Amino acid sequence: MTATPISSKDAVGLLARQKITVIDVREATELAATGTAKGGLHIALALVPLKANPKGPDFDKRIDPTKPIGVFCAVGGRAGQAVQALKALGYDAHNLGGFSDWAAAGGPVQR
């Protein structure tokens, strides 16, 4: 795990080069209202421990355990919880803050 934090601005560039996995942990209704990061994954917070566990039957194969993971939510609180769960599973995980931070950093948005 790296000690160097990754900001939303950093994550935008890394995602463009496919060097990071970006996960939006908000609920589907929130995504419907605002959109989400283009090229990112949507995994609601409650599902992160199941979907990110490479040894579990529900593992989401779009998650590459060798890449860092950037997580955002509405303002950063849920992202922090997801980062803790991901780190417990051995991931290099980073809290990118809220969706507005992603958009303000120039991150592409899809609806």
C-alpha atoms as a PDB file:
ATOM      1  CA  MET A   1       0.000   0.000   0.000  1.00  0.00           C
ATOM      2  CA  THR A   2       1.281   3.401  -0.890  1.00  0.00           C
ATOM      3  CA  ALA A   3       1.555   6.215   1.622  1.00  0.00           C
ATOM      4  CA  THR A   4       1.091   8.785  -1.129  1.00  0.00           C
ATOM      5  CA  PRO A   5      -2.496  10.037  -1.244  1.00  0.00           C
ATOM      6  CA  ILE A   6      -4.300  10.288  -4.561  1.00  0.00           C
ATOM      7  CA  SER A   7      -6.520  13.322  -5.127  1.00  0.00           C
ATOM      8  CA  SER A   8      -9.516  13.545  -7.431  1.00  0.00           C
ATOM      9  CA  LYS A   9      -7.344  15.506  -9.878  1.00  0.00           C
ATOM     10  CA  ASP A  10      -4.700  12.753  -9.808  1.00  0.00           C
ATOM     11  CA  ALA A  11      -7.395  10.098 -10.244  1.00  0.00           C
ATOM     12  CA  VAL A  12      -8.794  11.800 -13.360  1.00  0.00           C
ATOM     13  CA  GLY A  13      -5.438  11.435 -15.111  1.00  0.00           C
ATOM     14  CA  LEU A  14      -4.825   7.930 -13.799  1.00  0.00           C
ATOM     15  CA  LEU A  15      -8.256   6.748 -14.942  1.00  0.00           C
ATOM     16  CA  ALA A  16      -7.656   8.194 -18.416  1.00  0.00           C
ATOM     17  CA  ARG A  17      -4.520   6.023 -18.571  1.00  0.00           C
ATOM     18  CA  GLN A  18      -6.313   3.017 -17.000  1.00  0.00           C
ATOM     19  CA  LYS A  19      -3.927   3.076 -14.021  1.00  0.00           C
ATOM     20  CA  ILE A  20      -6.631   3.230 -11.329  1.00  0.00           C
ATOM     21  CA  THR A  21     -10.069   1.814 -10.622  1.00  0.00           C
ATOM     22  CA  VAL A  22     -12.583   4.470  -9.577  1.00  0.00           C
ATOM     23  CA  ILE A  23     -15.608   3.364  -7.563  1.00  0.00           C
ATOM     24  CA  ASP A  24     -18.710   5.427  -6.808  1.00  0.00           C
ATOM     25  CA  VAL A  25     -20.258   4.054  -3.592  1.00  0.00           C
ATOM     26  CA  ARG A  26     -23.428   6.164  -3.661  1.00  0.00           C
ATOM     27  CA  GLU A  27     -26.890   4.671  -4.055  1.00  0.00           C
ATOM     28  CA  ALA A  28     -28.410   4.217  -7.524  1.00  0.00           C
ATOM     29  CA  THR A  29     -30.905   7.041  -6.924  1.00  0.00           C
ATOM     30  CA  GLU A  30     -28.013   9.462  -6.328  1.00  0.00           C
ATOM     31  CA  LEU A  31     -26.336   8.422  -9.575  1.00  0.00           C
ATOM     32  CA  ALA A  32     -29.597   8.852 -11.454  1.00  0.00           C
ATOM     33  CA  ALA A  33     -29.804  12.441 -10.206  1.00  0.00           C
ATOM     34  CA  THR A  34     -26.213  13.505 -10.920  1.00  0.00           C
ATOM     35  CA  GLY A  35     -24.473  10.952 -13.106  1.00  0.00           C
ATOM     36  CA  THR A  36     -21.187   9.288 -12.172  1.00  0.00           C
ATOM     37  CA  ALA A  37     -17.562   9.080 -13.228  1.00  0.00           C
ATOM     38  CA  LYS A  38     -17.233   7.958 -16.821  1.00  0.00           C
ATOM     39  CA  GLY A  39     -15.129   4.808 -16.853  1.00  0.00           C
ATOM     40  CA  GLY A  40     -15.695   4.173 -13.164  1.00  0.00           C
ATOM     41  CA  LEU A  41     -17.647   1.463 -11.382  1.00  0.00           C
ATOM     42  CA  HIS A  42     -20.781   1.799  -9.295  1.00  0.00           C
ATOM     43  CA  ILE A  43     -20.747  -0.404  -6.215  1.00  0.00           C
ATOM     44  CA  ALA A  44     -22.988   0.758  -3.370  1.00  0.00           C
ATOM     45  CA  LEU A  45     -21.162   1.018  -0.038  1.00  0.00           C
ATOM     46  CA  ALA A  46     -22.943  -1.964   1.521  1.00  0.00           C
ATOM     47  CA  LEU A  47     -21.753  -4.205  -1.330  1.00  0.00           C
ATOM     48  CA  VAL A  48     -18.087  -3.168  -1.355  1.00  0.00           C
ATOM     49  CA  PRO A  49     -16.867  -5.929   1.027  1.00  0.00           C
ATOM     50  CA  LEU A  50     -18.588  -8.571  -1.111  1.00  0.00           C
ATOM     51  CA  LYS A  51     -17.764  -7.218  -4.563  1.00  0.00           C
ATOM     52  CA  ALA A  52     -14.125  -6.382  -3.749  1.00  0.00           C
ATOM     53  CA  ASN A  53     -13.202  -9.674  -2.078  1.00  0.00           C
ATOM     54  CA  PRO A  54     -11.210 -11.605  -4.709  1.00  0.00           C
ATOM     55  CA  LYS A  55     -11.791 -14.841  -2.781  1.00  0.00           C
ATOM     56  CA  GLY A  56     -15.563 -14.398  -2.553  1.00  0.00           C
ATOM     57  CA  PRO A  57     -18.223 -15.694  -4.942  1.00  0.00           C
ATOM     58  CA  ASP A  58     -19.540 -12.168  -5.612  1.00  0.00           C
ATOM     59  CA  PHE A  59     -16.162 -10.691  -6.625  1.00  0.00           C
ATOM     60  CA  ASP A  60     -16.506  -8.075  -9.374  1.00  0.00           C
ATOM     61  CA  LYS A  61     -13.851  -9.043 -11.916  1.00  0.00           C
ATOM     62  CA  ARG A  62     -13.683  -5.446 -13.164  1.00  0.00           C
ATOM     63  CA  ILE A  63     -11.692  -4.678 -10.003  1.00  0.00           C
ATOM     64  CA  ASP A  64      -7.985  -5.216 -10.594  1.00  0.00           C
ATOM     65  CA  PRO A  65      -6.260  -5.978  -7.268  1.00  0.00           C
ATOM     66  CA  THR A  66      -2.947  -4.756  -8.718  1.00  0.00           C
ATOM     67  CA  LYS A  67      -4.222  -1.197  -9.343  1.00  0.00           C
ATOM     68  CA  PRO A  68      -4.960   1.492  -6.774  1.00  0.00           C
ATOM     69  CA  ILE A  69      -8.619   2.227  -6.129  1.00  0.00           C
ATOM     70  CA  GLY A  70     -10.096   5.698  -5.799  1.00  0.00           C
ATOM     71  CA  VAL A  71     -13.466   5.933  -4.070  1.00  0.00           C
ATOM     72  CA  PHE A  72     -15.977   8.757  -3.954  1.00  0.00           C
ATOM     73  CA  CYS A  73     -19.523   9.262  -2.675  1.00  0.00           C
ATOM     74  CA  ALA A  74     -21.603  12.401  -2.153  1.00  0.00           C
ATOM     75  CA  VAL A  75     -19.212  14.263   0.162  1.00  0.00           C
ATOM     76  CA  GLY A  76     -16.573  11.756   1.305  1.00  0.00           C
ATOM     77  CA  GLY A  77     -17.940  10.024   4.408  1.00  0.00           C
ATOM     78  CA  ARG A  78     -19.083   6.810   2.784  1.00  0.00           C
ATOM     79  CA  ALA A  79     -15.977   6.816   0.616  1.00  0.00           C
ATOM     80  CA  GLY A  80     -13.922   6.753   3.823  1.00  0.00           C
ATOM     81  CA  GLN A  81     -15.831   3.717   5.054  1.00  0.00           C
ATOM     82  CA  ALA A  82     -15.306   1.973   1.704  1.00  0.00           C
ATOM     83  CA  VAL A  83     -11.575   2.784   1.782  1.00  0.00           C
ATOM     84  CA  GLN A  84     -11.298   1.142   5.213  1.00  0.00           C
ATOM     85  CA  ALA A  85     -13.052  -1.999   3.915  1.00  0.00           C
ATOM     86  CA  LEU A  86     -10.855  -2.074   0.800  1.00  0.00           C
ATOM     87  CA  LYS A  87      -7.650  -1.628   2.804  1.00  0.00           C
ATOM     88  CA  ALA A  88      -8.731  -4.513   5.062  1.00  0.00           C
ATOM     89  CA  LEU A  89      -8.885  -6.618   1.885  1.00  0.00           C
ATOM     90  CA  GLY A  90      -5.354  -5.530   0.948  1.00  0.00           C
ATOM     91  CA  TYR A  91      -6.114  -2.853  -1.644  1.00  0.00           C
ATOM     92  CA  ASP A  92      -4.255   0.423  -2.141  1.00  0.00           C
ATOM     93  CA  ALA A  93      -7.419   2.518  -1.650  1.00  0.00           C
ATOM     94  CA  HIS A  94      -7.911   6.297  -1.566  1.00  0.00           C
ATOM     95  CA  ASN A  95     -10.774   8.587  -0.582  1.00  0.00           C
ATOM     96  CA  LEU A  96     -11.405  10.961  -3.502  1.00  0.00           C
ATOM     97  CA  GLY A  97     -14.062  12.858  -1.563  1.00  0.00           C
ATOM     98  CA  GLY A  98     -17.401  13.670  -3.118  1.00  0.00           C
ATOM     99  CA  PHE A  99     -18.786  13.524  -6.637  1.00  0.00           C
ATOM    100  CA  SER A 100     -18.498  17.314  -6.853  1.00  0.00           C
ATOM    101  CA  ASP A 101     -14.734  16.965  -6.213  1.00  0.00           C
ATOM    102  CA  TRP A 102     -14.505  14.554  -9.155  1.00  0.00           C
ATOM    103  CA  ALA A 103     -16.430  16.928 -11.432  1.00  0.00           C
ATOM    104  CA  ALA A 104     -14.474  19.997 -10.236  1.00  0.00           C
ATOM    105  CA  ALA A 105     -11.196  18.178 -11.043  1.00  0.00           C
ATOM    106  CA  GLY A 106     -12.370  17.827 -14.646  1.00  0.00           C
ATOM    107  CA  GLY A 107     -13.399  14.213 -14.317  1.00  0.00           C
ATOM    108  CA  PRO A 108     -15.625  13.029 -17.156  1.00  0.00           C
ATOM    109  CA  VAL A 109     -19.232  12.383 -16.152  1.00  0.00           C
ATOM    110  CA  GLN A 110     -21.737   9.987 -17.651  1.00  0.00           C
ATOM    111  CA  ARG A 111     -25.472   9.894 -17.004  1.00  0.00           C
END
